[in-house]
Amino acid sequence: LPDLDGLKLLKAARVLHPGLPAVVI
């Protein structure tokens, strides 16, 4: 992503919501 690495965003989301289904493209 232009401002924040998408994988870092996903890691943050996983901390808040551990079971969240996610797809990285």
PDB file of all heavy atoms in Angstrom:
ATOM      1  N   LEU A   1       0.856  -1.178   0.000  1.00  0.00           N
ATOM      2  CA  LEU A   1       0.000   0.000   0.000  1.00  0.00           C
ATOM      3  C   LEU A   1       0.895   1.231   0.000  1.00  0.00           C
ATOM      4  O   LEU A   1       2.040   1.168   0.453  1.00  0.00           O
ATOM      5  CB  LEU A   1      -0.917   0.001   1.231  1.00  0.00           C
ATOM      6  CG  LEU A   1      -1.908  -1.157   1.310  1.00  0.00           C
ATOM      7  CD1 LEU A   1      -2.558  -1.212   2.686  1.00  0.00           C
ATOM      8  CD2 LEU A   1      -2.967  -1.020   0.226  1.00  0.00           C
ATOM      9  N   PRO A   2       0.391   2.370  -0.466  1.00  0.00           N
ATOM     10  CA  PRO A   2       1.249   3.548  -0.582  1.00  0.00           C
ATOM     11  C   PRO A   2       1.731   4.124   0.756  1.00  0.00           C
ATOM     12  O   PRO A   2       2.796   4.713   0.822  1.00  0.00           O
ATOM     13  CB  PRO A   2       0.380   4.560  -1.328  1.00  0.00           C
ATOM     14  CG  PRO A   2      -1.017   4.095  -1.141  1.00  0.00           C
ATOM     15  CD  PRO A   2      -0.948   2.612  -0.974  1.00  0.00           C
ATOM     16  N   ASP A   3       0.979   3.933   1.818  1.00  0.00           N
ATOM     17  CA  ASP A   3       1.338   4.590   3.083  1.00  0.00           C
ATOM     18  C   ASP A   3       1.715   3.626   4.191  1.00  0.00           C
ATOM     19  O   ASP A   3       2.441   3.965   5.099  1.00  0.00           O
ATOM     20  CB  ASP A   3       0.179   5.467   3.555  1.00  0.00           C
ATOM     21  CG  ASP A   3      -1.089   4.673   3.802  1.00  0.00           C
ATOM     22  OD1 ASP A   3      -1.164   3.504   3.400  1.00  0.00           O
ATOM     23  OD2 ASP A   3      -2.021   5.220   4.404  1.00  0.00           O
ATOM     24  N   LEU A   4       1.216   2.420   4.134  1.00  0.00           N
ATOM     25  CA  LEU A   4       1.414   1.453   5.208  1.00  0.00           C
ATOM     26  C   LEU A   4       1.474   0.074   4.572  1.00  0.00           C
ATOM     27  O   LEU A   4       0.619  -0.281   3.775  1.00  0.00           O
ATOM     28  CB  LEU A   4       0.237   1.528   6.193  1.00  0.00           C
ATOM     29  CG  LEU A   4       0.197   0.564   7.345  1.00  0.00           C
ATOM     30  CD1 LEU A   4       1.341   0.842   8.315  1.00  0.00           C
ATOM     31  CD2 LEU A   4      -1.120   0.698   8.090  1.00  0.00           C
ATOM     32  N   ASP A   5       2.468  -0.686   4.915  1.00  0.00           N
ATOM     33  CA  ASP A   5       2.605  -2.025   4.373  1.00  0.00           C
ATOM     34  C   ASP A   5       1.361  -2.846   4.693  1.00  0.00           C
ATOM     35  O   ASP A   5       0.912  -2.884   5.846  1.00  0.00           O
ATOM     36  CB  ASP A   5       3.858  -2.664   4.987  1.00  0.00           C
ATOM     37  CG  ASP A   5       4.125  -4.028   4.427  1.00  0.00           C
ATOM     38  OD1 ASP A   5       3.589  -5.003   4.987  1.00  0.00           O
ATOM     39  OD2 ASP A   5       4.858  -4.123   3.426  1.00  0.00           O
ATOM     40  N   GLY A   6       0.781  -3.480   3.690  1.00  0.00           N
ATOM     41  CA  GLY A   6      -0.432  -4.255   3.889  1.00  0.00           C
ATOM     42  C   GLY A   6      -0.271  -5.405   4.866  1.00  0.00           C
ATOM     43  O   GLY A   6      -1.195  -5.752   5.588  1.00  0.00           O
ATOM     44  N   LEU A   7       0.931  -5.993   4.892  1.00  0.00           N
ATOM     45  CA  LEU A   7       1.165  -7.097   5.826  1.00  0.00           C
ATOM     46  C   LEU A   7       1.202  -6.596   7.267  1.00  0.00           C
ATOM     47  O   LEU A   7       0.740  -7.279   8.177  1.00  0.00           O
ATOM     48  CB  LEU A   7       2.452  -7.827   5.462  1.00  0.00           C
ATOM     49  CG  LEU A   7       2.423  -8.504   4.081  1.00  0.00           C
ATOM     50  CD1 LEU A   7       3.768  -9.164   3.788  1.00  0.00           C
ATOM     51  CD2 LEU A   7       1.294  -9.503   3.976  1.00  0.00           C
ATOM     52  N   LYS A   8       1.713  -5.388   7.476  1.00  0.00           N
ATOM     53  CA  LYS A   8       1.695  -4.806   8.827  1.00  0.00           C
ATOM     54  C   LYS A   8       0.256  -4.501   9.247  1.00  0.00           C
ATOM     55  O   LYS A   8      -0.115  -4.700  10.400  1.00  0.00           O
ATOM     56  CB  LYS A   8       2.547  -3.550   8.881  1.00  0.00           C
ATOM     57  CG  LYS A   8       4.032  -3.841   8.830  1.00  0.00           C
ATOM     58  CD  LYS A   8       4.845  -2.582   8.901  1.00  0.00           C
ATOM     59  CE  LYS A   8       6.329  -2.913   8.777  1.00  0.00           C
ATOM     60  NZ  LYS A   8       7.155  -1.726   8.696  1.00  0.00           N
ATOM     61  N   LEU A   9      -0.526  -4.015   8.308  1.00  0.00           N
ATOM     62  CA  LEU A   9      -1.938  -3.755   8.586  1.00  0.00           C
ATOM     63  C   LEU A   9      -2.644  -5.054   8.973  1.00  0.00           C
ATOM     64  O   LEU A   9      -3.405  -5.099   9.942  1.00  0.00           O
ATOM     65  CB  LEU A   9      -2.607  -3.127   7.365  1.00  0.00           C
ATOM     66  CG  LEU A   9      -4.094  -2.839   7.463  1.00  0.00           C
ATOM     67  CD1 LEU A   9      -4.384  -1.825   8.555  1.00  0.00           C
ATOM     68  CD2 LEU A   9      -4.618  -2.351   6.124  1.00  0.00           C
ATOM     69  N   LEU A  10      -2.349  -6.107   8.255  1.00  0.00           N
ATOM     70  CA  LEU A  10      -2.946  -7.403   8.554  1.00  0.00           C
ATOM     71  C   LEU A  10      -2.513  -7.911   9.930  1.00  0.00           C
ATOM     72  O   LEU A  10      -3.327  -8.421  10.697  1.00  0.00           O
ATOM     73  CB  LEU A  10      -2.573  -8.420   7.479  1.00  0.00           C
ATOM     74  CG  LEU A  10      -3.114  -9.824   7.657  1.00  0.00           C
ATOM     75  CD1 LEU A  10      -4.635  -9.821   7.690  1.00  0.00           C
ATOM     76  CD2 LEU A  10      -2.605 -10.716   6.553  1.00  0.00           C
ATOM     77  N   LYS A  11      -1.239  -7.758  10.265  1.00  0.00           N
ATOM     78  CA  LYS A  11      -0.752  -8.185  11.583  1.00  0.00           C
ATOM     79  C   LYS A  11      -1.468  -7.429  12.698  1.00  0.00           C
ATOM     80  O   LYS A  11      -1.834  -8.011  13.719  1.00  0.00           O
ATOM     81  CB  LYS A  11       0.754  -7.981  11.684  1.00  0.00           C
ATOM     82  CG  LYS A  11       1.543  -9.005  10.927  1.00  0.00           C
ATOM     83  CD  LYS A  11       3.036  -8.754  11.066  1.00  0.00           C
ATOM     84  CE  LYS A  11       3.818  -9.722  10.204  1.00  0.00           C
ATOM     85  NZ  LYS A  11       5.262  -9.492  10.281  1.00  0.00           N
ATOM     86  N   ALA A  12      -1.676  -6.132  12.510  1.00  0.00           N
ATOM     87  CA  ALA A  12      -2.391  -5.338  13.514  1.00  0.00           C
ATOM     88  C   ALA A  12      -3.829  -5.824  13.653  1.00  0.00           C
ATOM     89  O   ALA A  12      -4.354  -5.941  14.762  1.00  0.00           O
ATOM     90  CB  ALA A  12      -2.353  -3.862  13.142  1.00  0.00           C
ATOM     91  N   ALA A  13      -4.457  -6.124  12.537  1.00  0.00           N
ATOM     92  CA  ALA A  13      -5.836  -6.619  12.570  1.00  0.00           C
ATOM     93  C   ALA A  13      -5.902  -7.959  13.296  1.00  0.00           C
ATOM     94  O   ALA A  13      -6.833  -8.222  14.054  1.00  0.00           O
ATOM     95  CB  ALA A  13      -6.377  -6.753  11.149  1.00  0.00           C
ATOM     96  N   ARG A  14      -4.909  -8.800  13.087  1.00  0.00           N
ATOM     97  CA  ARG A  14      -4.877 -10.120  13.727  1.00  0.00           C
ATOM     98  C   ARG A  14      -4.701 -10.019  15.240  1.00  0.00           C
ATOM     99  O   ARG A  14      -5.177 -10.863  15.969  1.00  0.00           O
ATOM    100  CB  ARG A  14      -3.760 -10.981  13.144  1.00  0.00           C
ATOM    101  CG  ARG A  14      -3.960 -11.363  11.717  1.00  0.00           C
ATOM    102  CD  ARG A  14      -5.028 -12.407  11.605  1.00  0.00           C
ATOM    103  NE  ARG A  14      -5.207 -12.755  10.209  1.00  0.00           N
ATOM    104  CZ  ARG A  14      -5.602 -13.912   9.795  1.00  0.00           C
ATOM    105  NH1 ARG A  14      -5.870 -14.854  10.645  1.00  0.00           N
ATOM    106  NH2 ARG A  14      -5.758 -14.138   8.531  1.00  0.00           N
ATOM    107  N   VAL A  15      -4.001  -8.991  15.698  1.00  0.00           N
ATOM    108  CA  VAL A  15      -3.844  -8.789  17.143  1.00  0.00           C
ATOM    109  C   VAL A  15      -5.196  -8.440  17.760  1.00  0.00           C
ATOM    110  O   VAL A  15      -5.571  -8.959  18.807  1.00  0.00           O
ATOM    111  CB  VAL A  15      -2.804  -7.689  17.438  1.00  0.00           C
ATOM    112  CG1 VAL A  15      -2.836  -7.281  18.895  1.00  0.00           C
ATOM    113  CG2 VAL A  15      -1.408  -8.167  17.052  1.00  0.00           C
ATOM    114  N   LEU A  16      -5.937  -7.572  17.088  1.00  0.00           N
ATOM    115  CA  LEU A  16      -7.237  -7.143  17.593  1.00  0.00           C
ATOM    116  C   LEU A  16      -8.309  -8.213  17.419  1.00  0.00           C
ATOM    117  O   LEU A  16      -9.211  -8.339  18.239  1.00  0.00           O
ATOM    118  CB  LEU A  16      -7.673  -5.856  16.886  1.00  0.00           C
ATOM    119  CG  LEU A  16      -6.772  -4.639  17.117  1.00  0.00           C
ATOM    120  CD1 LEU A  16      -7.197  -3.494  16.210  1.00  0.00           C
ATOM    121  CD2 LEU A  16      -6.815  -4.218  18.566  1.00  0.00           C
ATOM    122  N   HIS A  17      -8.219  -8.964  16.320  1.00  0.00           N
ATOM    123  CA  HIS A  17      -9.227  -9.977  15.982  1.00  0.00           C
ATOM    124  C   HIS A  17      -8.517 -11.231  15.478  1.00  0.00           C
ATOM    125  O   HIS A  17      -8.412 -11.446  14.270  1.00  0.00           O
ATOM    126  CB  HIS A  17     -10.191  -9.439  14.925  1.00  0.00           C
ATOM    127  CG  HIS A  17     -10.872  -8.182  15.344  1.00  0.00           C
ATOM    128  ND1 HIS A  17     -11.943  -8.184  16.211  1.00  0.00           N
ATOM    129  CD2 HIS A  17     -10.621  -6.887  15.069  1.00  0.00           C
ATOM    130  CE1 HIS A  17     -12.319  -6.936  16.424  1.00  0.00           C
ATOM    131  NE2 HIS A  17     -11.529  -6.140  15.750  1.00  0.00           N
ATOM    132  N   PRO A  18      -8.029 -12.076  16.399  1.00  0.00           N
ATOM    133  CA  PRO A  18      -7.189 -13.222  16.027  1.00  0.00           C
ATOM    134  C   PRO A  18      -7.780 -14.188  14.998  1.00  0.00           C
ATOM    135  O   PRO A  18      -7.060 -14.735  14.194  1.00  0.00           O
ATOM    136  CB  PRO A  18      -6.956 -13.937  17.357  1.00  0.00           C
ATOM    137  CG  PRO A  18      -7.220 -12.928  18.404  1.00  0.00           C
ATOM    138  CD  PRO A  18      -8.220 -11.976  17.843  1.00  0.00           C
ATOM    139  N   GLY A  19      -9.055 -14.395  14.987  1.00  0.00           N
ATOM    140  CA  GLY A  19      -9.647 -15.361  14.061  1.00  0.00           C
ATOM    141  C   GLY A  19     -10.153 -14.762  12.764  1.00  0.00           C
ATOM    142  O   GLY A  19     -10.835 -15.443  11.993  1.00  0.00           O
ATOM    143  N   LEU A  20      -9.840 -13.525  12.503  1.00  0.00           N
ATOM    144  CA  LEU A  20     -10.370 -12.829  11.331  1.00  0.00           C
ATOM    145  C   LEU A  20      -9.895 -13.473  10.031  1.00  0.00           C
ATOM    146  O   LEU A  20      -8.694 -13.565   9.791  1.00  0.00           O
ATOM    147  CB  LEU A  20      -9.935 -11.362  11.343  1.00  0.00           C
ATOM    148  CG  LEU A  20     -10.438 -10.520  10.185  1.00  0.00           C
ATOM    149  CD1 LEU A  20     -11.918 -10.197  10.395  1.00  0.00           C
ATOM    150  CD2 LEU A  20      -9.646  -9.235  10.074  1.00  0.00           C
ATOM    151  N   PRO A  21     -10.812 -13.927   9.179  1.00  0.00           N
ATOM    152  CA  PRO A  21     -10.401 -14.440   7.870  1.00  0.00           C
ATOM    153  C   PRO A  21      -9.851 -13.294   7.025  1.00  0.00           C
ATOM    154  O   PRO A  21     -10.413 -12.195   7.004  1.00  0.00           O
ATOM    155  CB  PRO A  21     -11.702 -14.976   7.259  1.00  0.00           C
ATOM    156  CG  PRO A  21     -12.647 -15.120   8.399  1.00  0.00           C
ATOM    157  CD  PRO A  21     -12.243 -14.076   9.408  1.00  0.00           C
ATOM    158  N   ALA A  22      -8.746 -13.555   6.343  1.00  0.00           N
ATOM    159  CA  ALA A  22      -8.127 -12.509   5.536  1.00  0.00           C
ATOM    160  C   ALA A  22      -7.480 -13.102   4.297  1.00  0.00           C
ATOM    161  O   ALA A  22      -7.018 -14.244   4.302  1.00  0.00           O
ATOM    162  CB  ALA A  22      -7.083 -11.756   6.357  1.00  0.00           C
ATOM    163  N   VAL A  23      -7.453 -12.290   3.242  1.00  0.00           N
ATOM    164  CA  VAL A  23      -6.798 -12.648   1.998  1.00  0.00           C
ATOM    165  C   VAL A  23      -5.849 -11.510   1.668  1.00  0.00           C
ATOM    166  O   VAL A  23      -6.223 -10.329   1.721  1.00  0.00           O
ATOM    167  CB  VAL A  23      -7.821 -12.826   0.849  1.00  0.00           C
ATOM    168  CG1 VAL A  23      -7.120 -13.062  -0.475  1.00  0.00           C
ATOM    169  CG2 VAL A  23      -8.786 -13.948   1.162  1.00  0.00           C
ATOM    170  N   VAL A  24      -4.612 -11.858   1.327  1.00  0.00           N
ATOM    171  CA  VAL A  24      -3.627 -10.873   0.900  1.00  0.00           C
ATOM    172  C   VAL A  24      -3.479 -11.000  -0.608  1.00  0.00           C
ATOM    173  O   VAL A  24      -3.287 -12.106  -1.128  1.00  0.00           O
ATOM    174  CB  VAL A  24      -2.261 -11.092   1.586  1.00  0.00           C
ATOM    175  CG1 VAL A  24      -1.234 -10.093   1.077  1.00  0.00           C
ATOM    176  CG2 VAL A  24      -2.403 -10.989   3.100  1.00  0.00           C
ATOM    177  N   ILE A  25      -3.582  -9.876  -1.299  1.00  0.00           N
ATOM    178  CA  ILE A  25      -3.442  -9.887  -2.754  1.00  0.00           C
ATOM    179  C   ILE A  25      -2.228  -9.060  -3.150  1.00  0.00           C
ATOM    180  O   ILE A  25      -1.806  -8.156  -2.432  1.00  0.00           O
ATOM    181  CB  ILE A  25      -4.718  -9.353  -3.452  1.00  0.00           C
ATOM    182  CG1 ILE A  25      -5.065  -7.937  -2.992  1.00  0.00           C
ATOM    183  CG2 ILE A  25      -5.887 -10.294  -3.208  1.00  0.00           C
ATOM    184  CD1 ILE A  25      -6.240  -7.313  -3.732  1.00  0.00           C
TER     185      ILE A  25
END
